[in-house]
C-alpha atoms as a PDB file:
ATOM      1  CA  MET A   1      80.178 -69.327 -12.684  1.00  0.00           C
ATOM      2  CA  GLU A   2      83.734 -70.477 -13.338  1.00  0.00           C
ATOM      3  CA  ASN A   3      84.408 -74.198 -13.163  1.00  0.00           C
ATOM      4  CA  LYS A   4      87.638 -75.025 -11.396  1.00  0.00           C
ATOM      5  CA  ILE A   5      88.638 -78.648 -11.448  1.00  0.00           C
ATOM      6  CA  ASN A   6      90.225 -80.525  -8.602  1.00  0.00           C
ATOM      7  CA  THR A   7      93.632 -80.852 -10.230  1.00  0.00           C
ATOM      8  CA  ALA A   8      95.118 -83.014  -7.480  1.00  0.00           C
ATOM      9  CA  LYS A   9      92.348 -85.621  -7.731  1.00  0.00           C
ATOM     10  CA  LEU A  10      92.509 -85.707 -11.513  1.00  0.00           C
ATOM     11  CA  ARG A  11      96.275 -86.181 -11.445  1.00  0.00           C
ATOM     12  CA  ALA A  12      95.936 -88.912  -8.809  1.00  0.00           C
ATOM     13  CA  LYS A  13      93.387 -90.818 -10.914  1.00  0.00           C
ATOM     14  CA  ARG A  14      95.592 -90.462 -14.013  1.00  0.00           C
ATOM     15  CA  VAL A  15      98.621 -91.828 -12.166  1.00  0.00           C
ATOM     16  CA  GLU A  16      96.558 -94.546 -10.459  1.00  0.00           C
ATOM     17  CA  ASN A  17      95.479 -95.749 -13.913  1.00  0.00           C
ATOM     18  CA  GLY A  18      99.069 -95.777 -15.171  1.00  0.00           C
ATOM     19  CA  TYR A  19      98.896 -92.859 -17.599  1.00  0.00           C
ATOM     20  CA  SER A  20     101.445 -90.135 -18.166  1.00  0.00           C
ATOM     21  CA  MET A  21     100.133 -86.751 -19.305  1.00  0.00           C
ATOM     22  CA  GLU A  22     101.444 -87.524 -22.790  1.00  0.00           C
ATOM     23  CA  ASN A  23      99.720 -90.931 -22.981  1.00  0.00           C
ATOM     24  CA  LEU A  24      96.403 -89.596 -21.739  1.00  0.00           C
ATOM     25  CA  ALA A  25      96.617 -86.606 -24.084  1.00  0.00           C
ATOM     26  CA  LYS A  26      96.940 -88.995 -27.027  1.00  0.00           C
ATOM     27  CA  LYS A  27      93.979 -91.066 -25.784  1.00  0.00           C
ATOM     28  CA  ILE A  28      91.719 -87.999 -25.852  1.00  0.00           C
ATOM     29  CA  GLY A  29      93.184 -86.592 -29.064  1.00  0.00           C
ATOM     30  CA  ARG A  30      95.047 -83.620 -27.635  1.00  0.00           C
ATOM     31  CA  THR A  31      98.663 -82.495 -27.570  1.00  0.00           C
ATOM     32  CA  SER A  32     100.670 -83.004 -24.406  1.00  0.00           C
ATOM     33  CA  LYS A  33     100.794 -79.239 -23.801  1.00  0.00           C
ATOM     34  CA  ALA A  34      97.027 -78.840 -24.308  1.00  0.00           C
ATOM     35  CA  TYR A  35      96.320 -81.658 -21.859  1.00  0.00           C
ATOM     36  CA  GLU A  36      98.835 -80.290 -19.357  1.00  0.00           C
ATOM     37  CA  ASN A  37      97.084 -76.898 -19.434  1.00  0.00           C
ATOM     38  CA  LYS A  38      93.739 -78.574 -18.862  1.00  0.00           C
ATOM     39  CA  GLU A  39      94.952 -80.773 -16.006  1.00  0.00           C
ATOM     40  CA  LYS A  40      96.559 -77.748 -14.343  1.00  0.00           C
ATOM     41  CA  GLY A  41      93.265 -75.851 -14.622  1.00  0.00           C
ATOM     42  CA  ILE A  42      94.642 -73.232 -17.026  1.00  0.00           C
ATOM     43  CA  THR A  43      92.132 -74.146 -19.733  1.00  0.00           C
ATOM     44  CA  GLU A  44      88.844 -76.003 -19.344  1.00  0.00           C
ATOM     45  CA  PHE A  45      88.037 -79.512 -20.492  1.00  0.00           C
ATOM     46  CA  THR A  46      85.251 -79.807 -23.046  1.00  0.00           C
ATOM     47  CA  ARG A  47      82.232 -82.001 -22.333  1.00  0.00           C
ATOM     48  CA  SER A  48      83.566 -84.496 -24.852  1.00  0.00           C
ATOM     49  CA  GLU A  49      86.961 -84.605 -23.135  1.00  0.00           C
ATOM     50  CA  ILE A  50      85.320 -85.098 -19.731  1.00  0.00           C
ATOM     51  CA  SER A  51      83.256 -87.930 -21.175  1.00  0.00           C
ATOM     52  CA  ASP A  52      86.416 -89.539 -22.592  1.00  0.00           C
ATOM     53  CA  LEU A  53      88.237 -89.175 -19.260  1.00  0.00           C
ATOM     54  CA  ILE A  54      85.330 -90.749 -17.378  1.00  0.00           C
ATOM     55  CA  ALA A  55      85.573 -93.829 -19.590  1.00  0.00           C
ATOM     56  CA  ILE A  56      89.373 -94.031 -19.759  1.00  0.00           C
ATOM     57  CA  LEU A  57      89.981 -93.461 -16.047  1.00  0.00           C
ATOM     58  CA  LYS A  58      86.895 -95.455 -14.998  1.00  0.00           C
ATOM     59  CA  LEU A  59      85.626 -92.609 -12.824  1.00  0.00           C
ATOM     60  CA  SER A  60      82.663 -93.136 -10.526  1.00  0.00           C
ATOM     61  CA  VAL A  61      79.862 -90.576 -10.391  1.00  0.00           C
ATOM     62  CA  LYS A  62      81.253 -89.356  -7.065  1.00  0.00           C
ATOM     63  CA  GLU A  63      84.733 -88.922  -8.565  1.00  0.00           C
ATOM     64  CA  VAL A  64      83.321 -87.034 -11.568  1.00  0.00           C
ATOM     65  CA  PHE A  65      81.651 -84.540  -9.241  1.00  0.00           C
ATOM     66  CA  GLU A  66      84.699 -84.270  -6.980  1.00  0.00           C
ATOM     67  CA  ILE A  67      87.036 -83.643  -9.908  1.00  0.00           C
ATOM     68  CA  PHE A  68      85.008 -81.630 -12.405  1.00  0.00           C
ATOM     69  CA  PHE A  69      82.050 -80.061 -10.594  1.00  0.00           C
ATOM     70  CA  ALA A  70      82.887 -79.591  -6.897  1.00  0.00           C
ATOM     71  CA  SER A  71      83.505 -75.860  -7.303  1.00  0.00           C
ATOM     72  CA  GLN A  72      80.154 -75.371  -9.037  1.00  0.00           C
ATOM     73  CA  LEU A  73      78.327 -77.363  -6.375  1.00  0.00           C
ATOM     74  CA  THR A  74      80.025 -75.356  -3.620  1.00  0.00           C
ATOM     75  CA  GLU A  75      78.938 -72.084  -5.278  1.00  0.00           C
ATOM     76  CA  VAL A  76      75.342 -73.290  -5.646  1.00  0.00           C
ATOM     77  CA  LEU A  77      75.244 -74.329  -1.991  1.00  0.00           C
ATOM     78  CA  LYS A  78      76.607 -70.936  -0.879  1.00  0.00           C
ATOM     79  CA  VAL A  79      73.874 -69.152  -2.821  1.00  0.00           C
ATOM     80  CA  SER A  80      71.166 -71.479  -1.501  1.00  0.00           C
ATOM     81  CA  VAL A  81      72.032 -71.015   2.182  1.00  0.00           C
END
């Protein structure tokens, strides 16, 4: 099951917290290009990166699911129905 992130919500939370892609990339120890690819959904975030983003962006549990796991939850619900 492929995990597609909600790129719009992630970007909105980044901007809301006052981070540029470059600044946030540095905070999680990645290059600007690597972070850009992750935020655009081209490459996946690691568990460690997600954990860092949760802390840095002060994400609620609801926001974590909406941003990082909504596509997985939707797929599970489709299979269950």
